[in-house]
Amino acid sequence: MTSRVSQYCDVMRPIANEIQLGAALRERRERAGLTQGRLAERAGVSRAFVIDLERGRRPRAELNRVLSVMRALDAAITLVDDEHRDAEDVLTELLGDL
């Protein structure tokens, strides 16, 4: 059950700005065991780009370069409605009515 909850939180975490995107990409890179340099090689971008992206310093980065980094991490973007739910609603969705 715990892995299902953590998996849900990882997959469904909303990202509202470049700082949150950078943090999410950094976490994913670290879990994949990649260095910034190795990720840059896989994505076809510079290491400086990866560093800046992870730090939220690329607010106007080209979408194709950001997507290249995401593909190199086996990540994707999913568009969802911006609905605000409290923790109880999320748990009920995950666990059902107990």
Foldseek 3Di string as FASTA:
>chain_A
DVVLVVVCCLQPPDDDAQQSQLCNLVVLCVVVVHDLCRLCVQLVHHSVVNVCSNRSNCRPDDPSSVVSSCVSSVHDDDDDDPDDDDPVVVVCVVPNDD
